Amino acid sequence: MISTALALQEAVKNAVHDEFIMALASDLYRNKDMDSETFGQKLYQYSGALSAMTTTLVTNALLTESQISDLLDTIKEMTEMGDNITNGNN
């Protein structure tokens, strides 16, 4: 349990300190004079990239490759079942 918590902590730290994520954060910090629309777009890009990176690293910390593969297969199966039920009309 403690090793899992430490792995999660490390994954989140690595996501926040990722080179690409840091570059996005730096751009937001350094360009304080941008208009609100540009700021909103850049903030959206930063938050999306950070959440995706965090999710990826946390998933890799918690699941083995075979478990990730099984999870993706299950998601694909459920999507196909949903498409069959709705005849592809969502």
C-alpha atoms as a PDB file:
ATOM      1  CA  MET A   1       0.000   0.000   0.000  1.00  0.00           C
ATOM      2  CA  ILE A   2       2.811   2.420   0.874  1.00  0.00           C
ATOM      3  CA  SER A   3       4.705   1.461  -2.280  1.00  0.00           C
ATOM      4  CA  THR A   4       1.588   2.239  -4.343  1.00  0.00           C
ATOM      5  CA  ALA A   5       1.231   5.645  -2.700  1.00  0.00           C
ATOM      6  CA  LEU A   6       4.892   6.376  -3.366  1.00  0.00           C
ATOM      7  CA  ALA A   7       4.530   5.265  -6.989  1.00  0.00           C
ATOM      8  CA  LEU A   8       1.528   7.581  -7.389  1.00  0.00           C
ATOM      9  CA  GLN A   9       3.411  10.456  -5.810  1.00  0.00           C
ATOM     10  CA  GLU A  10       6.376   9.877  -8.120  1.00  0.00           C
ATOM     11  CA  ALA A  11       4.126   9.646 -11.202  1.00  0.00           C
ATOM     12  CA  VAL A  12       2.424  12.951 -10.400  1.00  0.00           C
ATOM     13  CA  LYS A  13       5.787  14.613  -9.694  1.00  0.00           C
ATOM     14  CA  ASN A  14       7.147  13.355 -13.005  1.00  0.00           C
ATOM     15  CA  ALA A  15       4.083  14.640 -14.856  1.00  0.00           C
ATOM     16  CA  VAL A  16       4.369  18.113 -13.349  1.00  0.00           C
ATOM     17  CA  HIS A  17       8.113  18.246 -14.023  1.00  0.00           C
ATOM     18  CA  ASP A  18       7.864  16.870 -17.569  1.00  0.00           C
ATOM     19  CA  GLU A  19       9.834  19.035 -20.025  1.00  0.00           C
ATOM     20  CA  PHE A  20       6.847  19.692 -22.305  1.00  0.00           C
ATOM     21  CA  ILE A  21       4.515  20.477 -19.386  1.00  0.00           C
ATOM     22  CA  MET A  22       7.098  22.824 -17.875  1.00  0.00           C
ATOM     23  CA  ALA A  23       7.474  24.613 -21.221  1.00  0.00           C
ATOM     24  CA  LEU A  24       3.713  25.196 -21.362  1.00  0.00           C
ATOM     25  CA  ALA A  25       3.682  26.495 -17.786  1.00  0.00           C
ATOM     26  CA  SER A  26       6.656  28.730 -18.499  1.00  0.00           C
ATOM     27  CA  ASP A  27       4.922  30.181 -21.539  1.00  0.00           C
ATOM     28  CA  LEU A  28       1.879  31.031 -19.428  1.00  0.00           C
ATOM     29  CA  TYR A  29       4.028  32.624 -16.733  1.00  0.00           C
ATOM     30  CA  ARG A  30       6.262  34.648 -19.042  1.00  0.00           C
ATOM     31  CA  ASN A  31       3.559  36.014 -21.342  1.00  0.00           C
ATOM     32  CA  LYS A  32       1.383  37.810 -18.835  1.00  0.00           C
ATOM     33  CA  ASP A  33       0.397  40.472 -21.375  1.00  0.00           C
ATOM     34  CA  MET A  34      -1.559  38.118 -23.670  1.00  0.00           C
ATOM     35  CA  ASP A  35      -5.240  38.775 -24.282  1.00  0.00           C
ATOM     36  CA  SER A  36      -7.798  36.757 -22.338  1.00  0.00           C
ATOM     37  CA  GLU A  37      -8.745  34.542 -25.292  1.00  0.00           C
ATOM     38  CA  THR A  38      -5.131  33.520 -25.914  1.00  0.00           C
ATOM     39  CA  PHE A  39      -4.600  33.019 -22.182  1.00  0.00           C
ATOM     40  CA  GLY A  40      -7.673  30.788 -22.019  1.00  0.00           C
ATOM     41  CA  GLN A  41      -6.482  28.721 -24.962  1.00  0.00           C
ATOM     42  CA  LYS A  42      -2.997  28.290 -23.514  1.00  0.00           C
ATOM     43  CA  LEU A  43      -4.377  27.448 -20.067  1.00  0.00           C
ATOM     44  CA  TYR A  44      -6.701  24.866 -21.629  1.00  0.00           C
ATOM     45  CA  GLN A  45      -3.763  23.354 -23.539  1.00  0.00           C
ATOM     46  CA  TYR A  46      -1.637  23.255 -20.375  1.00  0.00           C
ATOM     47  CA  SER A  47      -4.333  21.684 -18.210  1.00  0.00           C
ATOM     48  CA  GLY A  48      -5.201  19.102 -20.876  1.00  0.00           C
ATOM     49  CA  ALA A  49      -1.565  18.142 -21.370  1.00  0.00           C
ATOM     50  CA  LEU A  50      -0.936  17.936 -17.622  1.00  0.00           C
ATOM     51  CA  SER A  51      -3.997  15.775 -16.972  1.00  0.00           C
ATOM     52  CA  ALA A  52      -3.163  13.459 -19.893  1.00  0.00           C
ATOM     53  CA  MET A  53       0.442  13.095 -18.758  1.00  0.00           C
ATOM     54  CA  THR A  54      -0.619  12.481 -15.156  1.00  0.00           C
ATOM     55  CA  THR A  55      -3.171   9.868 -16.215  1.00  0.00           C
ATOM     56  CA  THR A  56      -0.631   8.086 -18.389  1.00  0.00           C
ATOM     57  CA  LEU A  57       2.064   7.991 -15.715  1.00  0.00           C
ATOM     58  CA  VAL A  58      -0.345   6.981 -12.936  1.00  0.00           C
ATOM     59  CA  THR A  59      -1.783   4.210 -15.104  1.00  0.00           C
ATOM     60  CA  ASN A  60       1.723   2.942 -15.826  1.00  0.00           C
ATOM     61  CA  ALA A  61       2.552   3.072 -12.112  1.00  0.00           C
ATOM     62  CA  LEU A  62      -0.517   1.081 -11.105  1.00  0.00           C
ATOM     63  CA  LEU A  63      -0.972  -1.447 -13.911  1.00  0.00           C
ATOM     64  CA  THR A  64       1.304  -3.906 -15.666  1.00  0.00           C
ATOM     65  CA  GLU A  65       1.542  -3.921 -19.471  1.00  0.00           C
ATOM     66  CA  SER A  66      -0.748  -6.940 -19.694  1.00  0.00           C
ATOM     67  CA  GLN A  67      -3.319  -5.270 -17.412  1.00  0.00           C
ATOM     68  CA  ILE A  68      -3.231  -2.130 -19.578  1.00  0.00           C
ATOM     69  CA  SER A  69      -3.667  -4.288 -22.674  1.00  0.00           C
ATOM     70  CA  ASP A  70      -6.622  -6.089 -21.062  1.00  0.00           C
ATOM     71  CA  LEU A  71      -8.133  -2.741 -20.067  1.00  0.00           C
ATOM     72  CA  LEU A  72      -7.838  -1.401 -23.621  1.00  0.00           C
ATOM     73  CA  ASP A  73      -9.353  -4.612 -25.023  1.00  0.00           C
ATOM     74  CA  THR A  74     -12.264  -4.301 -22.595  1.00  0.00           C
ATOM     75  CA  ILE A  75     -12.827  -0.657 -23.550  1.00  0.00           C
ATOM     76  CA  LYS A  76     -12.820  -1.621 -27.238  1.00  0.00           C
ATOM     77  CA  GLU A  77     -15.252  -4.469 -26.543  1.00  0.00           C
ATOM     78  CA  MET A  78     -17.625  -2.206 -24.608  1.00  0.00           C
ATOM     79  CA  THR A  79     -17.496   0.410 -27.370  1.00  0.00           C
ATOM     80  CA  GLU A  80     -18.336  -2.217 -29.992  1.00  0.00           C
ATOM     81  CA  MET A  81     -21.201  -3.523 -27.836  1.00  0.00           C
ATOM     82  CA  GLY A  82     -22.544  -0.001 -27.446  1.00  0.00           C
ATOM     83  CA  ASP A  83     -22.296   0.589 -31.190  1.00  0.00           C
ATOM     84  CA  ASN A  84     -24.123  -2.683 -31.857  1.00  0.00           C
ATOM     85  CA  ILE A  85     -26.902  -1.777 -29.423  1.00  0.00           C
ATOM     86  CA  THR A  86     -27.388   1.680 -30.893  1.00  0.00           C
ATOM     87  CA  ASN A  87     -26.591   0.595 -34.468  1.00  0.00           C
ATOM     88  CA  GLY A  88     -23.800   3.153 -34.461  1.00  0.00           C
ATOM     89  CA  ASN A  89     -26.227   6.007 -33.714  1.00  0.00           C
ATOM     90  CA  ASN A  90     -25.138   7.703 -30.495  1.00  0.00           C
END
